[in-house]
Each structure stands twice: as C-alpha cells, then as structure tokens.
PDB file of all heavy atoms in Angstrom:
ATOM      1  N   GLY A   1      -3.270  19.499 -14.831  1.00  0.00           N
ATOM      2  CA  GLY A   1      -2.267  18.470 -15.066  1.00  0.00           C
ATOM      3  C   GLY A   1      -1.955  18.319 -16.544  1.00  0.00           C
ATOM      4  O   GLY A   1      -0.789  18.205 -16.940  1.00  0.00           O
ATOM      5  N   SER A   2      -2.981  18.371 -17.369  1.00  0.00           N
ATOM      6  CA  SER A   2      -2.770  18.250 -18.817  1.00  0.00           C
ATOM      7  C   SER A   2      -1.986  19.429 -19.361  1.00  0.00           C
ATOM      8  O   SER A   2      -1.090  19.258 -20.193  1.00  0.00           O
ATOM      9  CB  SER A   2      -4.120  18.141 -19.538  1.00  0.00           C
ATOM     10  OG  SER A   2      -4.749  16.933 -19.201  1.00  0.00           O
ATOM     11  N   ILE A   3      -2.300  20.615 -18.889  1.00  0.00           N
ATOM     12  CA  ILE A   3      -1.570  21.806 -19.334  1.00  0.00           C
ATOM     13  C   ILE A   3      -0.112  21.724 -18.880  1.00  0.00           C
ATOM     14  O   ILE A   3       0.805  21.989 -19.661  1.00  0.00           O
ATOM     15  CB  ILE A   3      -2.239  23.086 -18.815  1.00  0.00           C
ATOM     16  CG1 ILE A   3      -3.606  23.276 -19.490  1.00  0.00           C
ATOM     17  CG2 ILE A   3      -1.348  24.307 -19.051  1.00  0.00           C
ATOM     18  CD1 ILE A   3      -4.481  24.332 -18.852  1.00  0.00           C
ATOM     19  N   SER A   4       0.094  21.325 -17.627  1.00  0.00           N
ATOM     20  CA  SER A   4       1.465  21.223 -17.102  1.00  0.00           C
ATOM     21  C   SER A   4       2.271  20.186 -17.861  1.00  0.00           C
ATOM     22  O   SER A   4       3.454  20.387 -18.139  1.00  0.00           O
ATOM     23  CB  SER A   4       1.439  20.860 -15.613  1.00  0.00           C
ATOM     24  OG  SER A   4       0.817  21.873 -14.860  1.00  0.00           O
ATOM     25  N   ASN A   5       1.637  19.074 -18.228  1.00  0.00           N
ATOM     26  CA  ASN A   5       2.335  18.001 -18.930  1.00  0.00           C
ATOM     27  C   ASN A   5       2.558  18.351 -20.398  1.00  0.00           C
ATOM     28  O   ASN A   5       3.685  18.303 -20.890  1.00  0.00           O
ATOM     29  CB  ASN A   5       1.539  16.698 -18.817  1.00  0.00           C
ATOM     30  CG  ASN A   5       2.272  15.514 -19.402  1.00  0.00           C
ATOM     31  OD1 ASN A   5       3.455  15.327 -19.171  1.00  0.00           O
ATOM     32  ND2 ASN A   5       1.577  14.717 -20.172  1.00  0.00           N
ATOM     33  N   ASP A   6       1.502  18.712 -21.096  1.00  0.00           N
ATOM     34  CA  ASP A   6       1.566  18.878 -22.547  1.00  0.00           C
ATOM     35  C   ASP A   6       2.182  20.198 -22.985  1.00  0.00           C
ATOM     36  O   ASP A   6       2.933  20.252 -23.947  1.00  0.00           O
ATOM     37  CB  ASP A   6       0.160  18.767 -23.158  1.00  0.00           C
ATOM     38  CG  ASP A   6      -0.469  17.409 -22.899  1.00  0.00           C
ATOM     39  OD1 ASP A   6       0.278  16.452 -22.653  1.00  0.00           O
ATOM     40  OD2 ASP A   6      -1.704  17.320 -22.936  1.00  0.00           O
ATOM     41  N   TYR A   7       1.850  21.258 -22.302  1.00  0.00           N
ATOM     42  CA  TYR A   7       2.269  22.588 -22.744  1.00  0.00           C
ATOM     43  C   TYR A   7       3.563  23.032 -22.070  1.00  0.00           C
ATOM     44  O   TYR A   7       4.486  23.487 -22.715  1.00  0.00           O
ATOM     45  CB  TYR A   7       1.147  23.584 -22.465  1.00  0.00           C
ATOM     46  CG  TYR A   7       1.507  25.039 -22.639  1.00  0.00           C
ATOM     47  CD1 TYR A   7       1.973  25.511 -23.860  1.00  0.00           C
ATOM     48  CD2 TYR A   7       1.371  25.938 -21.602  1.00  0.00           C
ATOM     49  CE1 TYR A   7       2.304  26.858 -24.032  1.00  0.00           C
ATOM     50  CE2 TYR A   7       1.678  27.273 -21.762  1.00  0.00           C
ATOM     51  CZ  TYR A   7       2.145  27.724 -22.979  1.00  0.00           C
ATOM     52  OH  TYR A   7       2.461  29.049 -23.136  1.00  0.00           O
ATOM     53  N   LYS A   8       3.617  22.863 -20.788  1.00  0.00           N
ATOM     54  CA  LYS A   8       4.755  23.394 -20.040  1.00  0.00           C
ATOM     55  C   LYS A   8       5.879  22.381 -19.848  1.00  0.00           C
ATOM     56  O   LYS A   8       6.989  22.760 -19.524  1.00  0.00           O
ATOM     57  CB  LYS A   8       4.272  23.924 -18.694  1.00  0.00           C
ATOM     58  CG  LYS A   8       3.264  25.063 -18.856  1.00  0.00           C
ATOM     59  CD  LYS A   8       2.938  25.730 -17.572  1.00  0.00           C
ATOM     60  CE  LYS A   8       1.975  26.860 -17.875  1.00  0.00           C
ATOM     61  NZ  LYS A   8       2.012  27.925 -16.956  1.00  0.00           N
ATOM     62  N   GLY A   9       5.574  21.102 -20.006  1.00  0.00           N
ATOM     63  CA  GLY A   9       6.594  20.084 -19.780  1.00  0.00           C
ATOM     64  C   GLY A   9       7.035  20.027 -18.331  1.00  0.00           C
ATOM     65  O   GLY A   9       8.127  19.563 -18.019  1.00  0.00           O
ATOM     66  N   ASP A  10       6.182  20.504 -17.435  1.00  0.00           N
ATOM     67  CA  ASP A  10       6.471  20.513 -16.000  1.00  0.00           C
ATOM     68  C   ASP A  10       5.897  19.229 -15.406  1.00  0.00           C
ATOM     69  O   ASP A  10       4.798  19.217 -14.849  1.00  0.00           O
ATOM     70  CB  ASP A  10       5.855  21.759 -15.356  1.00  0.00           C
ATOM     71  CG  ASP A  10       6.263  21.944 -13.906  1.00  0.00           C
ATOM     72  OD1 ASP A  10       6.831  21.007 -13.310  1.00  0.00           O
ATOM     73  OD2 ASP A  10       6.001  23.042 -13.367  1.00  0.00           O
ATOM     74  N   PHE A  11       6.648  18.147 -15.549  1.00  0.00           N
ATOM     75  CA  PHE A  11       6.151  16.832 -15.176  1.00  0.00           C
ATOM     76  C   PHE A  11       5.887  16.683 -13.677  1.00  0.00           C
ATOM     77  O   PHE A  11       4.866  16.105 -13.302  1.00  0.00           O
ATOM     78  CB  PHE A  11       7.098  15.747 -15.683  1.00  0.00           C
ATOM     79  CG  PHE A  11       7.368  15.860 -17.163  1.00  0.00           C
ATOM     80  CD1 PHE A  11       8.662  15.943 -17.641  1.00  0.00           C
ATOM     81  CD2 PHE A  11       6.326  15.918 -18.077  1.00  0.00           C
ATOM     82  CE1 PHE A  11       8.908  16.061 -18.995  1.00  0.00           C
ATOM     83  CE2 PHE A  11       6.563  16.043 -19.438  1.00  0.00           C
ATOM     84  CZ  PHE A  11       7.860  16.117 -19.895  1.00  0.00           C
ATOM     85  N   PRO A  12       6.757  17.194 -12.788  1.00  0.00           N
ATOM     86  CA  PRO A  12       6.442  17.076 -11.355  1.00  0.00           C
ATOM     87  C   PRO A  12       5.129  17.783 -10.993  1.00  0.00           C
ATOM     88  O   PRO A  12       4.338  17.273 -10.210  1.00  0.00           O
ATOM     89  CB  PRO A  12       7.641  17.737 -10.669  1.00  0.00           C
ATOM     90  CG  PRO A  12       8.760  17.615 -11.646  1.00  0.00           C
ATOM     91  CD  PRO A  12       8.115  17.737 -12.996  1.00  0.00           C
ATOM     92  N   ARG A  13       4.899  18.925 -11.605  1.00  0.00           N
ATOM     93  CA  ARG A  13       3.659  19.658 -11.319  1.00  0.00           C
ATOM     94  C   ARG A  13       2.454  18.916 -11.888  1.00  0.00           C
ATOM     95  O   ARG A  13       1.400  18.836 -11.250  1.00  0.00           O
ATOM     96  CB  ARG A  13       3.743  21.063 -11.901  1.00  0.00           C
ATOM     97  CG  ARG A  13       2.640  21.952 -11.413  1.00  0.00           C
ATOM     98  CD  ARG A  13       3.024  23.399 -11.522  1.00  0.00           C
ATOM     99  NE  ARG A  13       2.024  24.184 -10.831  1.00  0.00           N
ATOM    100  CZ  ARG A  13       1.547  25.324 -11.275  1.00  0.00           C
ATOM    101  NH1 ARG A  13       2.020  25.840 -12.384  1.00  0.00           N
ATOM    102  NH2 ARG A  13       0.632  25.971 -10.606  1.00  0.00           N
ATOM    103  N   ALA A  14       2.602  18.358 -13.086  1.00  0.00           N
ATOM    104  CA  ALA A  14       1.524  17.574 -13.687  1.00  0.00           C
ATOM    105  C   ALA A  14       1.177  16.392 -12.787  1.00  0.00           C
ATOM    106  O   ALA A  14      -0.002  16.120 -12.519  1.00  0.00           O
ATOM    107  CB  ALA A  14       1.919  17.096 -15.077  1.00  0.00           C
ATOM    108  N   LEU A  15       2.197  15.689 -12.309  1.00  0.00           N
ATOM    109  CA  LEU A  15       1.963  14.556 -11.405  1.00  0.00           C
ATOM    110  C   LEU A  15       1.262  14.993 -10.134  1.00  0.00           C
ATOM    111  O   LEU A  15       0.355  14.314  -9.648  1.00  0.00           O
ATOM    112  CB  LEU A  15       3.279  13.860 -11.054  1.00  0.00           C
ATOM    113  CG  LEU A  15       3.821  12.892 -12.080  1.00  0.00           C
ATOM    114  CD1 LEU A  15       5.183  12.362 -11.657  1.00  0.00           C
ATOM    115  CD2 LEU A  15       2.856  11.747 -12.310  1.00  0.00           C
ATOM    116  N   ASP A  16       1.671  16.137  -9.596  1.00  0.00           N
ATOM    117  CA  ASP A  16       1.044  16.657  -8.384  1.00  0.00           C
ATOM    118  C   ASP A  16      -0.449  16.887  -8.610  1.00  0.00           C
ATOM    119  O   ASP A  16      -1.284  16.471  -7.805  1.00  0.00           O
ATOM    120  CB  ASP A  16       1.732  17.953  -7.953  1.00  0.00           C
ATOM    121  CG  ASP A  16       1.165  18.505  -6.666  1.00  0.00           C
ATOM    122  OD1 ASP A  16       1.083  17.754  -5.665  1.00  0.00           O
ATOM    123  OD2 ASP A  16       0.793  19.703  -6.648  1.00  0.00           O
ATOM    124  N   PHE A  17      -0.794  17.529  -9.718  1.00  0.00           N
ATOM    125  CA  PHE A  17      -2.207  17.774 -10.020  1.00  0.00           C
ATOM    126  C   PHE A  17      -2.961  16.460 -10.204  1.00  0.00           C
ATOM    127  O   PHE A  17      -4.062  16.277  -9.672  1.00  0.00           O
ATOM    128  CB  PHE A  17      -2.357  18.636 -11.278  1.00  0.00           C
ATOM    129  CG  PHE A  17      -2.001  20.080 -11.091  1.00  0.00           C
ATOM    130  CD1 PHE A  17      -1.186  20.719 -12.005  1.00  0.00           C
ATOM    131  CD2 PHE A  17      -2.478  20.814 -10.015  1.00  0.00           C
ATOM    132  CE1 PHE A  17      -0.860  22.057 -11.856  1.00  0.00           C
ATOM    133  CE2 PHE A  17      -2.161  22.153  -9.846  1.00  0.00           C
ATOM    134  CZ  PHE A  17      -1.347  22.779 -10.771  1.00  0.00           C
ATOM    135  N   TYR A  18      -2.389  15.539 -10.974  1.00  0.00           N
ATOM    136  CA  TYR A  18      -3.067  14.265 -11.221  1.00  0.00           C
ATOM    137  C   TYR A  18      -3.217  13.436  -9.953  1.00  0.00           C
ATOM    138  O   TYR A  18      -4.249  12.786  -9.742  1.00  0.00           O
ATOM    139  CB  TYR A  18      -2.335  13.449 -12.286  1.00  0.00           C
ATOM    140  CG  TYR A  18      -2.508  13.958 -13.691  1.00  0.00           C
ATOM    141  CD1 TYR A  18      -1.429  13.996 -14.573  1.00  0.00           C
ATOM    142  CD2 TYR A  18      -3.739  14.393 -14.176  1.00  0.00           C
ATOM    143  CE1 TYR A  18      -1.565  14.449 -15.880  1.00  0.00           C
ATOM    144  CE2 TYR A  18      -3.886  14.851 -15.477  1.00  0.00           C
ATOM    145  CZ  TYR A  18      -2.800  14.871 -16.321  1.00  0.00           C
ATOM    146  OH  TYR A  18      -2.942  15.313 -17.610  1.00  0.00           O
ATOM    147  N   LEU A  19      -2.210  13.451  -9.094  1.00  0.00           N
ATOM    148  CA  LEU A  19      -2.299  12.677  -7.853  1.00  0.00           C
ATOM    149  C   LEU A  19      -3.349  13.266  -6.911  1.00  0.00           C
ATOM    150  O   LEU A  19      -4.052  12.521  -6.213  1.00  0.00           O
ATOM    151  CB  LEU A  19      -0.928  12.581  -7.181  1.00  0.00           C
ATOM    152  CG  LEU A  19       0.077  11.701  -7.926  1.00  0.00           C
ATOM    153  CD1 LEU A  19       1.467  11.829  -7.309  1.00  0.00           C
ATOM    154  CD2 LEU A  19      -0.376  10.243  -7.963  1.00  0.00           C
ATOM    155  N   LYS A  20      -3.472  14.587  -6.896  1.00  0.00           N
ATOM    156  CA  LYS A  20      -4.537  15.218  -6.100  1.00  0.00           C
ATOM    157  C   LYS A  20      -5.907  14.833  -6.655  1.00  0.00           C
ATOM    158  O   LYS A  20      -6.833  14.532  -5.891  1.00  0.00           O
ATOM    159  CB  LYS A  20      -4.368  16.743  -6.097  1.00  0.00           C
ATOM    160  CG  LYS A  20      -3.218  17.217  -5.242  1.00  0.00           C
ATOM    161  CD  LYS A  20      -3.055  18.728  -5.330  1.00  0.00           C
ATOM    162  CE  LYS A  20      -1.885  19.193  -4.485  1.00  0.00           C
ATOM    163  NZ  LYS A  20      -1.660  20.643  -4.602  1.00  0.00           N
ATOM    164  N   ALA A  21      -6.028  14.843  -7.973  1.00  0.00           N
ATOM    165  CA  ALA A  21      -7.286  14.445  -8.606  1.00  0.00           C
ATOM    166  C   ALA A  21      -7.581  12.980  -8.311  1.00  0.00           C
ATOM    167  O   ALA A  21      -8.735  12.611  -8.032  1.00  0.00           O
ATOM    168  CB  ALA A  21      -7.211  14.684 -10.115  1.00  0.00           C
ATOM    169  N   LEU A  22      -6.557  12.141  -8.364  1.00  0.00           N
ATOM    170  CA  LEU A  22      -6.717  10.716  -8.109  1.00  0.00           C
ATOM    171  C   LEU A  22      -7.255  10.467  -6.702  1.00  0.00           C
ATOM    172  O   LEU A  22      -8.175   9.669  -6.508  1.00  0.00           O
ATOM    173  CB  LEU A  22      -5.382   9.992  -8.304  1.00  0.00           C
ATOM    174  CG  LEU A  22      -5.390   8.476  -8.149  1.00  0.00           C
ATOM    175  CD1 LEU A  22      -6.201   7.822  -9.258  1.00  0.00           C
ATOM    176  CD2 LEU A  22      -3.963   7.941  -8.148  1.00  0.00           C
ATOM    177  N   LYS A  23      -6.692  11.157  -5.733  1.00  0.00           N
ATOM    178  CA  LYS A  23      -7.122  10.993  -4.338  1.00  0.00           C
ATOM    179  C   LYS A  23      -8.604  11.354  -4.187  1.00  0.00           C
ATOM    180  O   LYS A  23      -9.369  10.626  -3.554  1.00  0.00           O
ATOM    181  CB  LYS A  23      -6.268  11.854  -3.411  1.00  0.00           C
ATOM    182  CG  LYS A  23      -6.610  11.701  -1.954  1.00  0.00           C
ATOM    183  CD  LYS A  23      -5.733  12.546  -1.070  1.00  0.00           C
ATOM    184  CE  LYS A  23      -6.179  12.379   0.373  1.00  0.00           C
ATOM    185  NZ  LYS A  23      -5.521  13.311   1.266  1.00  0.00           N
ATOM    186  N   LEU A  24      -9.001  12.468  -4.779  1.00  0.00           N
ATOM    187  CA  LEU A  24     -10.399  12.883  -4.688  1.00  0.00           C
ATOM    188  C   LEU A  24     -11.314  11.918  -5.449  1.00  0.00           C
ATOM    189  O   LEU A  24     -12.420  11.601  -4.999  1.00  0.00           O
ATOM    190  CB  LEU A  24     -10.570  14.304  -5.230  1.00  0.00           C
ATOM    191  CG  LEU A  24      -9.942  15.412  -4.387  1.00  0.00           C
ATOM    192  CD1 LEU A  24     -10.006  16.742  -5.118  1.00  0.00           C
ATOM    193  CD2 LEU A  24     -10.627  15.500  -3.027  1.00  0.00           C
ATOM    194  N   GLU A  25     -10.855  11.452  -6.604  1.00  0.00           N
ATOM    195  CA  GLU A  25     -11.649  10.522  -7.415  1.00  0.00           C
ATOM    196  C   GLU A  25     -11.837   9.203  -6.680  1.00  0.00           C
ATOM    197  O   GLU A  25     -12.895   8.571  -6.791  1.00  0.00           O
ATOM    198  CB  GLU A  25     -10.967  10.304  -8.767  1.00  0.00           C
ATOM    199  CG  GLU A  25     -11.877   9.814  -9.849  1.00  0.00           C
ATOM    200  CD  GLU A  25     -12.876  10.843 -10.336  1.00  0.00           C
ATOM    201  OE1 GLU A  25     -12.525  11.671 -11.172  1.00  0.00           O
ATOM    202  OE2 GLU A  25     -14.036  10.804  -9.880  1.00  0.00           O
ATOM    203  N   GLU A  26     -10.829   8.776  -5.927  1.00  0.00           N
ATOM    204  CA  GLU A  26     -10.955   7.554  -5.122  1.00  0.00           C
ATOM    205  C   GLU A  26     -12.044   7.729  -4.064  1.00  0.00           C
ATOM    206  O   GLU A  26     -12.813   6.804  -3.791  1.00  0.00           O
ATOM    207  CB  GLU A  26      -9.618   7.191  -4.472  1.00  0.00           C
ATOM    208  CG  GLU A  26      -8.612   6.623  -5.452  1.00  0.00           C
ATOM    209  CD  GLU A  26      -7.208   6.474  -4.871  1.00  0.00           C
ATOM    210  OE1 GLU A  26      -6.897   7.108  -3.833  1.00  0.00           O
ATOM    211  OE2 GLU A  26      -6.421   5.729  -5.482  1.00  0.00           O
ATOM    212  N   GLU A  27     -12.114   8.928  -3.471  1.00  0.00           N
ATOM    213  CA  GLU A  27     -13.162   9.213  -2.486  1.00  0.00           C
ATOM    214  C   GLU A  27     -14.541   9.175  -3.133  1.00  0.00           C
ATOM    215  O   GLU A  27     -15.512   8.744  -2.515  1.00  0.00           O
ATOM    216  CB  GLU A  27     -12.920  10.574  -1.828  1.00  0.00           C
ATOM    217  CG  GLU A  27     -11.698  10.627  -0.945  1.00  0.00           C
ATOM    218  CD  GLU A  27     -11.372  12.034  -0.455  1.00  0.00           C
ATOM    219  OE1 GLU A  27     -12.226  12.945  -0.585  1.00  0.00           O
ATOM    220  OE2 GLU A  27     -10.259  12.219   0.069  1.00  0.00           O
ATOM    221  N   LEU A  28     -14.629   9.624  -4.374  1.00  0.00           N
ATOM    222  CA  LEU A  28     -15.904   9.616  -5.094  1.00  0.00           C
ATOM    223  C   LEU A  28     -16.275   8.224  -5.592  1.00  0.00           C
ATOM    224  O   LEU A  28     -17.409   7.973  -5.967  1.00  0.00           O
ATOM    225  CB  LEU A  28     -15.845  10.574  -6.292  1.00  0.00           C
ATOM    226  CG  LEU A  28     -15.745  12.064  -5.970  1.00  0.00           C
ATOM    227  CD1 LEU A  28     -15.502  12.864  -7.243  1.00  0.00           C
ATOM    228  CD2 LEU A  28     -17.007  12.544  -5.262  1.00  0.00           C
ATOM    229  N   LYS A  29     -15.271   7.330  -5.631  1.00  0.00           N
ATOM    230  CA  LYS A  29     -15.453   5.951  -6.117  1.00  0.00           C
ATOM    231  C   LYS A  29     -15.955   5.921  -7.560  1.00  0.00           C
ATOM    232  O   LYS A  29     -16.781   5.095  -7.935  1.00  0.00           O
ATOM    233  CB  LYS A  29     -16.381   5.171  -5.186  1.00  0.00           C
ATOM    234  CG  LYS A  29     -15.811   4.983  -3.800  1.00  0.00           C
ATOM    235  CD  LYS A  29     -16.744   4.188  -2.925  1.00  0.00           C
ATOM    236  CE  LYS A  29     -16.106   3.806  -1.632  1.00  0.00           C
ATOM    237  NZ  LYS A  29     -16.111   4.714  -0.576  1.00  0.00           N
ATOM    238  N   ASP A  30     -15.418   6.831  -8.372  1.00  0.00           N
ATOM    239  CA  ASP A  30     -15.782   6.903  -9.790  1.00  0.00           C
ATOM    240  C   ASP A  30     -14.717   6.148 -10.589  1.00  0.00           C
ATOM    241  O   ASP A  30     -13.655   6.691 -10.898  1.00  0.00           O
ATOM    242  CB  ASP A  30     -15.868   8.370 -10.234  1.00  0.00           C
ATOM    243  CG  ASP A  30     -16.136   8.532 -11.717  1.00  0.00           C
ATOM    244  OD1 ASP A  30     -16.404   7.523 -12.405  1.00  0.00           O
ATOM    245  OD2 ASP A  30     -16.075   9.677 -12.195  1.00  0.00           O
ATOM    246  N   LYS A  31     -15.013   4.888 -10.921  1.00  0.00           N
ATOM    247  CA  LYS A  31     -14.028   4.044 -11.600  1.00  0.00           C
ATOM    248  C   LYS A  31     -13.655   4.573 -12.975  1.00  0.00           C
ATOM    249  O   LYS A  31     -12.508   4.477 -13.392  1.00  0.00           O
ATOM    250  CB  LYS A  31     -14.542   2.610 -11.716  1.00  0.00           C
ATOM    251  CG  LYS A  31     -14.559   1.859 -10.406  1.00  0.00           C
ATOM    252  CD  LYS A  31     -14.978   0.421 -10.620  1.00  0.00           C
ATOM    253  CE  LYS A  31     -14.941  -0.340  -9.306  1.00  0.00           C
ATOM    254  NZ  LYS A  31     -15.267  -1.765  -9.507  1.00  0.00           N
ATOM    255  N   ASN A  32     -14.608   5.144 -13.687  1.00  0.00           N
ATOM    256  CA  ASN A  32     -14.326   5.686 -15.016  1.00  0.00           C
ATOM    257  C   ASN A  32     -13.340   6.851 -14.911  1.00  0.00           C
ATOM    258  O   ASN A  32     -12.373   6.942 -15.658  1.00  0.00           O
ATOM    259  CB  ASN A  32     -15.630   6.125 -15.692  1.00  0.00           C
ATOM    260  CG  ASN A  32     -15.462   6.337 -17.162  1.00  0.00           C
ATOM    261  OD1 ASN A  32     -14.770   5.580 -17.832  1.00  0.00           O
ATOM    262  ND2 ASN A  32     -16.093   7.362 -17.676  1.00  0.00           N
ATOM    263  N   GLY A  33     -13.602   7.744 -13.964  1.00  0.00           N
ATOM    264  CA  GLY A  33     -12.690   8.868 -13.734  1.00  0.00           C
ATOM    265  C   GLY A  33     -11.322   8.398 -13.273  1.00  0.00           C
ATOM    266  O   GLY A  33     -10.291   8.920 -13.698  1.00  0.00           O
ATOM    267  N   LEU A  34     -11.319   7.398 -12.405  1.00  0.00           N
ATOM    268  CA  LEU A  34     -10.050   6.833 -11.921  1.00  0.00           C
ATOM    269  C   LEU A  34      -9.215   6.285 -13.069  1.00  0.00           C
ATOM    270  O   LEU A  34      -8.007   6.522 -13.133  1.00  0.00           O
ATOM    271  CB  LEU A  34     -10.303   5.715 -10.905  1.00  0.00           C
ATOM    272  CG  LEU A  34     -10.642   6.124  -9.486  1.00  0.00           C
ATOM    273  CD1 LEU A  34     -11.104   4.927  -8.676  1.00  0.00           C
ATOM    274  CD2 LEU A  34      -9.458   6.795  -8.829  1.00  0.00           C
ATOM    275  N   ALA A  35      -9.865   5.557 -13.964  1.00  0.00           N
ATOM    276  CA  ALA A  35      -9.137   4.965 -15.093  1.00  0.00           C
ATOM    277  C   ALA A  35      -8.492   6.055 -15.943  1.00  0.00           C
ATOM    278  O   ALA A  35      -7.333   5.922 -16.361  1.00  0.00           O
ATOM    279  CB  ALA A  35     -10.081   4.110 -15.939  1.00  0.00           C
ATOM    280  N   GLY A  36      -9.222   7.122 -16.197  1.00  0.00           N
ATOM    281  CA  GLY A  36      -8.676   8.226 -16.996  1.00  0.00           C
ATOM    282  C   GLY A  36      -7.482   8.881 -16.334  1.00  0.00           C
ATOM    283  O   GLY A  36      -6.466   9.160 -16.979  1.00  0.00           O
ATOM    284  N   ILE A  37      -7.601   9.127 -15.044  1.00  0.00           N
ATOM    285  CA  ILE A  37      -6.506   9.778 -14.315  1.00  0.00           C
ATOM    286  C   ILE A  37      -5.286   8.862 -14.249  1.00  0.00           C
ATOM    287  O   ILE A  37      -4.146   9.316 -14.431  1.00  0.00           O
ATOM    288  CB  ILE A  37      -6.965  10.216 -12.909  1.00  0.00           C
ATOM    289  CG1 ILE A  37      -8.041  11.300 -13.022  1.00  0.00           C
ATOM    290  CG2 ILE A  37      -5.781  10.722 -12.090  1.00  0.00           C
ATOM    291  CD1 ILE A  37      -8.766  11.606 -11.729  1.00  0.00           C
ATOM    292  N   LEU A  38      -5.512   7.576 -13.998  1.00  0.00           N
ATOM    293  CA  LEU A  38      -4.389   6.626 -13.973  1.00  0.00           C
ATOM    294  C   LEU A  38      -3.670   6.612 -15.318  1.00  0.00           C
ATOM    295  O   LEU A  38      -2.429   6.578 -15.369  1.00  0.00           O
ATOM    296  CB  LEU A  38      -4.894   5.224 -13.617  1.00  0.00           C
ATOM    297  CG  LEU A  38      -5.356   5.040 -12.168  1.00  0.00           C
ATOM    298  CD1 LEU A  38      -6.135   3.730 -12.027  1.00  0.00           C
ATOM    299  CD2 LEU A  38      -4.184   5.088 -11.205  1.00  0.00           C
ATOM    300  N   GLY A  39      -4.423   6.654 -16.406  1.00  0.00           N
ATOM    301  CA  GLY A  39      -3.810   6.718 -17.731  1.00  0.00           C
ATOM    302  C   GLY A  39      -3.012   7.992 -17.930  1.00  0.00           C
ATOM    303  O   GLY A  39      -1.915   7.970 -18.509  1.00  0.00           O
ATOM    304  N   ASN A  40      -3.536   9.112 -17.431  1.00  0.00           N
ATOM    305  CA  ASN A  40      -2.816  10.384 -17.548  1.00  0.00           C
ATOM    306  C   ASN A  40      -1.515  10.365 -16.747  1.00  0.00           C
ATOM    307  O   ASN A  40      -0.495  10.893 -17.200  1.00  0.00           O
ATOM    308  CB  ASN A  40      -3.694  11.549 -17.087  1.00  0.00           C
ATOM    309  CG  ASN A  40      -4.788  11.874 -18.076  1.00  0.00           C
ATOM    310  OD1 ASN A  40      -4.698  11.532 -19.258  1.00  0.00           O
ATOM    311  ND2 ASN A  40      -5.836  12.524 -17.608  1.00  0.00           N
ATOM    312  N   ILE A  41      -1.563   9.757 -15.580  1.00  0.00           N
ATOM    313  CA  ILE A  41      -0.338   9.630 -14.779  1.00  0.00           C
ATOM    314  C   ILE A  41       0.673   8.769 -15.545  1.00  0.00           C
ATOM    315  O   ILE A  41       1.864   9.097 -15.595  1.00  0.00           O
ATOM    316  CB  ILE A  41      -0.647   9.035 -13.386  1.00  0.00           C
ATOM    317  CG1 ILE A  41      -1.471  10.042 -12.569  1.00  0.00           C
ATOM    318  CG2 ILE A  41       0.652   8.676 -12.653  1.00  0.00           C
ATOM    319  CD1 ILE A  41      -2.034   9.481 -11.271  1.00  0.00           C
ATOM    320  N   GLY A  42       0.192   7.698 -16.155  1.00  0.00           N
ATOM    321  CA  GLY A  42       1.065   6.873 -16.995  1.00  0.00           C
ATOM    322  C   GLY A  42       1.698   7.683 -18.112  1.00  0.00           C
ATOM    323  O   GLY A  42       2.888   7.533 -18.412  1.00  0.00           O
ATOM    324  N   ASN A  43       0.917   8.568 -18.729  1.00  0.00           N
ATOM    325  CA  ASN A  43       1.449   9.420 -19.803  1.00  0.00           C
ATOM    326  C   ASN A  43       2.590  10.308 -19.312  1.00  0.00           C
ATOM    327  O   ASN A  43       3.582  10.501 -20.021  1.00  0.00           O
ATOM    328  CB  ASN A  43       0.342  10.300 -20.387  1.00  0.00           C
ATOM    329  CG  ASN A  43      -0.701   9.519 -21.138  1.00  0.00           C
ATOM    330  OD1 ASN A  43      -0.479   8.386 -21.542  1.00  0.00           O
ATOM    331  ND2 ASN A  43      -1.865  10.123 -21.321  1.00  0.00           N
TER     332      ASN A  43
END
C-alpha cells in the first residue's frame, strides 16, 4: 500500500491493500496496528 501510494500514485490500489490489511488487523484485534493502517488510509 505504501509503495502504491507514495511511489506509483496508484491510490485505488493503495486503498485496496490497506483495506485488506485493515480487515485482517481487525481479526487480530491489534489496536496499534489498526491505528497505523487507519492513518495510512487517511493519507
């Protein structure tokens, strides 16, 4: 997601990667990881 956003400027793809990560992180119940991913989606 970071590569797609920062390097390629492919925002839909970056969002797709981050949203997939978010879903898995929610299953893990890792609040710290969730906060980071939510911030990246905001970016």
